[in-house]
PDB file of N, CA and C in Angstrom:
ATOM      1  N   MET A   1     -84.832  19.484-107.553  1.00  0.00           N
ATOM      2  CA  MET A   1     -83.752  19.531-108.518  1.00  0.00           C
ATOM      3  C   MET A   1     -82.718  20.554-108.038  1.00  0.00           C
ATOM      4  N   SER A   2     -81.435  20.148-108.040  1.00  0.00           N
ATOM      5  CA  SER A   2     -80.391  21.062-107.585  1.00  0.00           C
ATOM      6  C   SER A   2     -79.727  21.736-108.767  1.00  0.00           C
ATOM      7  N   LYS A   3     -79.327  22.957-108.546  1.00  0.00           N
ATOM      8  CA  LYS A   3     -78.629  23.708-109.593  1.00  0.00           C
ATOM      9  C   LYS A   3     -77.158  23.348-109.593  1.00  0.00           C
ATOM     10  N   LYS A   4     -76.560  23.337-110.763  1.00  0.00           N
ATOM     11  CA  LYS A   4     -75.119  23.102-110.867  1.00  0.00           C
ATOM     12  C   LYS A   4     -74.381  24.368-110.484  1.00  0.00           C
ATOM     13  N   THR A   5     -73.348  24.204-109.701  1.00  0.00           N
ATOM     14  CA  THR A   5     -72.505  25.358-109.410  1.00  0.00           C
ATOM     15  C   THR A   5     -71.407  25.409-110.458  1.00  0.00           C
ATOM     16  N   HIS A   6     -70.712  26.524-110.510  1.00  0.00           N
ATOM     17  CA  HIS A   6     -69.650  26.713-111.500  1.00  0.00           C
ATOM     18  C   HIS A   6     -68.585  25.623-111.391  1.00  0.00           C
ATOM     19  N   SER A   7     -68.247  25.242-110.162  1.00  0.00           N
ATOM     20  CA  SER A   7     -67.191  24.249-109.984  1.00  0.00           C
ATOM     21  C   SER A   7     -67.621  22.861-110.436  1.00  0.00           C
ATOM     22  N   GLN A   8     -68.914  22.629-110.519  1.00  0.00           N
ATOM     23  CA  GLN A   8     -69.404  21.332-110.955  1.00  0.00           C
ATOM     24  C   GLN A   8     -69.580  21.273-112.457  1.00  0.00           C
ATOM     25  N   ASP A   9     -69.537  22.392-113.139  1.00  0.00           N
ATOM     26  CA  ASP A   9     -69.738  22.452-114.577  1.00  0.00           C
ATOM     27  C   ASP A   9     -68.444  22.059-115.276  1.00  0.00           C
ATOM     28  N   SER A  10     -68.415  20.884-115.880  1.00  0.00           N
ATOM     29  CA  SER A  10     -67.176  20.383-116.470  1.00  0.00           C
ATOM     30  C   SER A  10     -66.811  21.079-117.771  1.00  0.00           C
ATOM     31  N   ASN A  11     -67.720  21.818-118.375  1.00  0.00           N
ATOM     32  CA  ASN A  11     -67.440  22.493-119.644  1.00  0.00           C
ATOM     33  C   ASN A  11     -66.894  23.902-119.453  1.00  0.00           C
ATOM     34  N   SER A  12     -66.852  24.391-118.226  1.00  0.00           N
ATOM     35  CA  SER A  12     -66.404  25.769-118.011  1.00  0.00           C
ATOM     36  C   SER A  12     -64.883  25.863-118.042  1.00  0.00           C
ATOM     37  N   GLU A  13     -64.398  26.964-118.570  1.00  0.00           N
ATOM     38  CA  GLU A  13     -62.962  27.239-118.612  1.00  0.00           C
ATOM     39  C   GLU A  13     -62.549  27.908-117.308  1.00  0.00           C
ATOM     40  N   PRO A  14     -61.339  27.634-116.823  1.00  0.00           N
ATOM     41  CA  PRO A  14     -60.888  28.328-115.613  1.00  0.00           C
ATOM     42  C   PRO A  14     -60.721  29.815-115.894  1.00  0.00           C
ATOM     43  N   LYS A  15     -61.008  30.620-114.887  1.00  0.00           N
ATOM     44  CA  LYS A  15     -60.884  32.071-115.051  1.00  0.00           C
ATOM     45  C   LYS A  15     -59.438  32.528-114.882  1.00  0.00           C
ATOM     46  N   ILE A  16     -58.637  31.742-114.211  1.00  0.00           N
ATOM     47  CA  ILE A  16     -57.244  32.105-113.967  1.00  0.00           C
ATOM     48  C   ILE A  16     -56.351  31.052-114.593  1.00  0.00           C
ATOM     49  N   LYS A  17     -55.394  31.499-115.361  1.00  0.00           N
ATOM     50  CA  LYS A  17     -54.405  30.584-115.921  1.00  0.00           C
ATOM     51  C   LYS A  17     -53.059  30.964-115.330  1.00  0.00           C
ATOM     52  N   LEU A  18     -52.456  30.013-114.651  1.00  0.00           N
ATOM     53  CA  LEU A  18     -51.183  30.281-113.989  1.00  0.00           C
ATOM     54  C   LEU A  18     -50.029  30.155-114.960  1.00  0.00           C
ATOM     55  N   SER A  19     -49.083  31.063-114.825  1.00  0.00           N
ATOM     56  CA  SER A  19     -47.883  31.022-115.650  1.00  0.00           C
ATOM     57  C   SER A  19     -46.699  31.356-114.760  1.00  0.00           C
ATOM     58  N   PHE A  20     -45.666  30.555-114.857  1.00  0.00           N
ATOM     59  CA  PHE A  20     -44.482  30.790-114.058  1.00  0.00           C
ATOM     60  C   PHE A  20     -43.329  31.295-114.923  1.00  0.00           C
ATOM     61  N   ASP A  21     -43.635  31.816-116.090  1.00  0.00           N
ATOM     62  CA  ASP A  21     -42.593  32.315-116.983  1.00  0.00           C
ATOM     63  C   ASP A  21     -41.832  33.488-116.378  1.00  0.00           C
ATOM     64  N   GLY A  22     -42.465  34.251-115.506  1.00  0.00           N
ATOM     65  CA  GLY A  22     -41.823  35.415-114.931  1.00  0.00           C
ATOM     66  C   GLY A  22     -41.042  35.129-113.665  1.00  0.00           C
ATOM     67  N   CYS A  23     -41.118  33.910-113.148  1.00  0.00           N
ATOM     68  CA  CYS A  23     -40.398  33.570-111.923  1.00  0.00           C
ATOM     69  C   CYS A  23     -38.914  33.379-112.227  1.00  0.00           C
ATOM     70  N   TYR A  24     -38.086  33.994-111.400  1.00  0.00           N
ATOM     71  CA  TYR A  24     -36.645  33.842-111.599  1.00  0.00           C
ATOM     72  C   TYR A  24     -36.152  32.624-110.834  1.00  0.00           C
ATOM     73  N   ASN A  25     -35.238  31.942-111.412  1.00  0.00           N
ATOM     74  CA  ASN A  25     -34.564  30.863-110.720  1.00  0.00           C
ATOM     75  C   ASN A  25     -33.066  31.015-110.957  1.00  0.00           C
ATOM     76  N   TYR A  26     -32.313  30.182-110.324  1.00  0.00           N
ATOM     77  CA  TYR A  26     -30.860  30.311-110.375  1.00  0.00           C
ATOM     78  C   TYR A  26     -30.327  30.242-111.798  1.00  0.00           C
ATOM     79  N   ASP A  27     -30.810  29.271-112.576  1.00  0.00           N
ATOM     80  CA  ASP A  27     -30.301  29.114-113.942  1.00  0.00           C
ATOM     81  C   ASP A  27     -30.585  30.353-114.789  1.00  0.00           C
ATOM     82  N   ARG A  28     -31.755  30.918-114.615  1.00  0.00           N
ATOM     83  CA  ARG A  28     -32.109  32.105-115.398  1.00  0.00           C
ATOM     84  C   ARG A  28     -31.254  33.308-114.983  1.00  0.00           C
ATOM     85  N   LEU A  29     -31.069  33.467-113.671  1.00  0.00           N
ATOM     86  CA  LEU A  29     -30.229  34.564-113.188  1.00  0.00           C
ATOM     87  C   LEU A  29     -28.796  34.406-113.688  1.00  0.00           C
ATOM     88  N   LYS A  30     -28.305  33.162-113.686  1.00  0.00           N
ATOM     89  CA  LYS A  30     -26.947  32.894-114.162  1.00  0.00           C
ATOM     90  C   LYS A  30     -26.836  33.220-115.647  1.00  0.00           C
ATOM     91  N   LYS A  31     -27.843  32.825-116.420  1.00  0.00           N
ATOM     92  CA  LYS A  31     -27.852  33.081-117.864  1.00  0.00           C
ATOM     93  C   LYS A  31     -27.851  34.581-118.152  1.00  0.00           C
ATOM     94  N   GLU A  32     -28.502  35.349-117.298  1.00  0.00           N
ATOM     95  CA  GLU A  32     -28.561  36.798-117.475  1.00  0.00           C
ATOM     96  C   GLU A  32     -27.345  37.510-116.896  1.00  0.00           C
ATOM     97  N   GLY A  33     -26.406  36.738-116.365  1.00  0.00           N
ATOM     98  CA  GLY A  33     -25.178  37.331-115.842  1.00  0.00           C
ATOM     99  C   GLY A  33     -25.329  37.969-114.480  1.00  0.00           C
ATOM    100  N   LEU A  34     -26.348  37.580-113.727  1.00  0.00           N
ATOM    101  CA  LEU A  34     -26.594  38.183-112.425  1.00  0.00           C
ATOM    102  C   LEU A  34     -26.077  37.328-111.269  1.00  0.00           C
ATOM    103  N   VAL A  35     -25.421  36.219-111.589  1.00  0.00           N
ATOM    104  CA  VAL A  35     -24.855  35.345-110.570  1.00  0.00           C
ATOM    105  C   VAL A  35     -23.350  35.277-110.791  1.00  0.00           C
ATOM    106  N   ASP A  36     -22.613  35.474-109.719  1.00  0.00           N
ATOM    107  CA  ASP A  36     -21.159  35.400-109.796  1.00  0.00           C
ATOM    108  C   ASP A  36     -20.706  34.044-109.282  1.00  0.00           C
ATOM    109  N   ASP A  37     -20.081  33.252-110.140  1.00  0.00           N
ATOM    110  CA  ASP A  37     -19.619  31.924-109.750  1.00  0.00           C
ATOM    111  C   ASP A  37     -18.192  31.933-109.223  1.00  0.00           C
ATOM    112  N   GLY A  38     -17.558  33.083-109.229  1.00  0.00           N
ATOM    113  CA  GLY A  38     -16.161  33.158-108.811  1.00  0.00           C
ATOM    114  C   GLY A  38     -15.999  32.991-107.316  1.00  0.00           C
ATOM    115  N   GLU A  39     -14.770  32.760-106.928  1.00  0.00           N
ATOM    116  CA  GLU A  39     -14.445  32.638-105.513  1.00  0.00           C
ATOM    117  C   GLU A  39     -14.545  34.006-104.846  1.00  0.00           C
ATOM    118  N   ILE A  40     -15.007  33.998-103.607  1.00  0.00           N
ATOM    119  CA  ILE A  40     -15.063  35.229-102.826  1.00  0.00           C
ATOM    120  C   ILE A  40     -13.694  35.447-102.196  1.00  0.00           C
ATOM    121  N   GLU A  41     -13.161  36.617-102.382  1.00  0.00           N
ATOM    122  CA  GLU A  41     -11.878  36.939-101.780  1.00  0.00           C
ATOM    123  C   GLU A  41     -12.132  37.691-100.477  1.00  0.00           C
ATOM    124  N   TRP A  42     -11.682  37.106 -99.392  1.00  0.00           N
ATOM    125  CA  TRP A  42     -11.889  37.699 -98.077  1.00  0.00           C
ATOM    126  C   TRP A  42     -10.605  38.387 -97.619  1.00  0.00           C
ATOM    127  N   ASP A  43     -10.778  39.575 -97.075  1.00  0.00           N
ATOM    128  CA  ASP A  43      -9.666  40.279 -96.452  1.00  0.00           C
ATOM    129  C   ASP A  43      -9.722  39.939 -94.961  1.00  0.00           C
ATOM    130  N   ILE A  44      -8.894  38.986 -94.552  1.00  0.00           N
ATOM    131  CA  ILE A  44      -8.949  38.457 -93.183  1.00  0.00           C
ATOM    132  C   ILE A  44      -8.723  39.554 -92.145  1.00  0.00           C
ATOM    133  N   GLU A  45      -7.790  40.434 -92.409  1.00  0.00           N
ATOM    134  CA  GLU A  45      -7.519  41.506 -91.440  1.00  0.00           C
ATOM    135  C   GLU A  45      -8.726  42.434 -91.300  1.00  0.00           C
ATOM    136  N   GLU A  46      -9.380  42.720 -92.399  1.00  0.00           N
ATOM    137  CA  GLU A  46     -10.580  43.572 -92.357  1.00  0.00           C
ATOM    138  C   GLU A  46     -11.710  42.872 -91.592  1.00  0.00           C
ATOM    139  N   LEU A  47     -11.842  41.573 -91.786  1.00  0.00           N
ATOM    140  CA  LEU A  47     -12.858  40.811 -91.055  1.00  0.00           C
ATOM    141  C   LEU A  47     -12.576  40.808 -89.558  1.00  0.00           C
ATOM    142  N   LYS A  48     -11.308  40.618 -89.192  1.00  0.00           N
ATOM    143  CA  LYS A  48     -10.937  40.638 -87.776  1.00  0.00           C
ATOM    144  C   LYS A  48     -11.245  41.997 -87.151  1.00  0.00           C
ATOM    145  N   LYS A  49     -10.925  43.063 -87.895  1.00  0.00           N
ATOM    146  CA  LYS A  49     -11.186  44.417 -87.399  1.00  0.00           C
ATOM    147  C   LYS A  49     -12.688  44.633 -87.199  1.00  0.00           C
ATOM    148  N   SER A  50     -13.479  44.161 -88.130  1.00  0.00           N
ATOM    149  CA  SER A  50     -14.938  44.312 -88.028  1.00  0.00           C
ATOM    150  C   SER A  50     -15.483  43.576 -86.806  1.00  0.00           C
ATOM    151  N   ILE A  51     -14.942  42.397 -86.549  1.00  0.00           N
ATOM    152  CA  ILE A  51     -15.382  41.622 -85.383  1.00  0.00           C
ATOM    153  C   ILE A  51     -14.991  42.327 -84.092  1.00  0.00           C
ATOM    154  N   ARG A  52     -13.751  42.845 -84.043  1.00  0.00           N
ATOM    155  CA  ARG A  52     -13.304  43.572 -82.841  1.00  0.00           C
ATOM    156  C   ARG A  52     -14.153  44.828 -82.622  1.00  0.00           C
ATOM    157  N   ASP A  53     -14.424  45.560 -83.692  1.00  0.00           N
ATOM    158  CA  ASP A  53     -15.240  46.773 -83.576  1.00  0.00           C
ATOM    159  C   ASP A  53     -16.648  46.445 -83.077  1.00  0.00           C
ATOM    160  N   ALA A  54     -17.228  45.370 -83.598  1.00  0.00           N
ATOM    161  CA  ALA A  54     -18.572  44.965 -83.171  1.00  0.00           C
ATOM    162  C   ALA A  54     -18.558  44.554 -81.704  1.00  0.00           C
ATOM    163  N   ALA A  55     -17.492  43.862 -81.275  1.00  0.00           N
ATOM    164  CA  ALA A  55     -17.377  43.445 -79.880  1.00  0.00           C
ATOM    165  C   ALA A  55     -17.238  44.673 -78.973  1.00  0.00           C
ATOM    166  N   ASP A  56     -16.449  45.659 -79.410  1.00  0.00           N
ATOM    167  CA  ASP A  56     -16.290  46.887 -78.626  1.00  0.00           C
ATOM    168  C   ASP A  56     -17.627  47.620 -78.496  1.00  0.00           C
ATOM    169  N   GLU A  57     -18.376  47.713 -79.575  1.00  0.00           N
ATOM    170  CA  GLU A  57     -19.688  48.371 -79.546  1.00  0.00           C
ATOM    171  C   GLU A  57     -20.654  47.631 -78.614  1.00  0.00           C
ATOM    172  N   TYR A  58     -20.609  46.305 -78.652  1.00  0.00           N
ATOM    173  CA  TYR A  58     -21.455  45.497 -77.781  1.00  0.00           C
ATOM    174  C   TYR A  58     -21.099  45.743 -76.307  1.00  0.00           C
ATOM    175  N   ASP A  59     -19.794  45.784 -76.036  1.00  0.00           N
ATOM    176  CA  ASP A  59     -19.361  46.040 -74.655  1.00  0.00           C
ATOM    177  C   ASP A  59     -19.856  47.395 -74.172  1.00  0.00           C
ATOM    178  N   LYS A  60     -19.834  48.391 -75.045  1.00  0.00           N
ATOM    179  CA  LYS A  60     -20.339  49.718 -74.662  1.00  0.00           C
ATOM    180  C   LYS A  60     -21.829  49.655 -74.347  1.00  0.00           C
ATOM    181  N   LEU A  61     -22.577  48.888 -75.121  1.00  0.00           N
ATOM    182  CA  LEU A  61     -24.024  48.793 -74.919  1.00  0.00           C
ATOM    183  C   LEU A  61     -24.375  48.090 -73.596  1.00  0.00           C
ATOM    184  N   VAL A  62     -23.631  47.070 -73.251  1.00  0.00           N
ATOM    185  CA  VAL A  62     -23.952  46.312 -72.043  1.00  0.00           C
ATOM    186  C   VAL A  62     -23.169  46.803 -70.824  1.00  0.00           C
ATOM    187  N   GLY A  63     -22.343  47.824 -71.034  1.00  0.00           N
ATOM    188  CA  GLY A  63     -21.609  48.413 -69.920  1.00  0.00           C
ATOM    189  C   GLY A  63     -20.414  47.602 -69.473  1.00  0.00           C
ATOM    190  N   GLY A  64     -19.784  46.916 -70.394  1.00  0.00           N
ATOM    191  CA  GLY A  64     -18.663  46.041 -70.048  1.00  0.00           C
ATOM    192  C   GLY A  64     -17.321  46.644 -70.224  1.00  0.00           C
TER     193      GLY A  64
END
């Protein structure tokens, strides 16, 4: 005669109950005001300067 294991016992309750109530998703973040739907305003000149500065730093690193 074999003994029943816990997983074979159909009357047993699971020890862990999963809940996803605490998981954040986009809709919840938006509802809480943590998502900005507005357009991003880019300062093109500042972006160009950042790219040039990064290129200059790279050239210094590789000896160019």
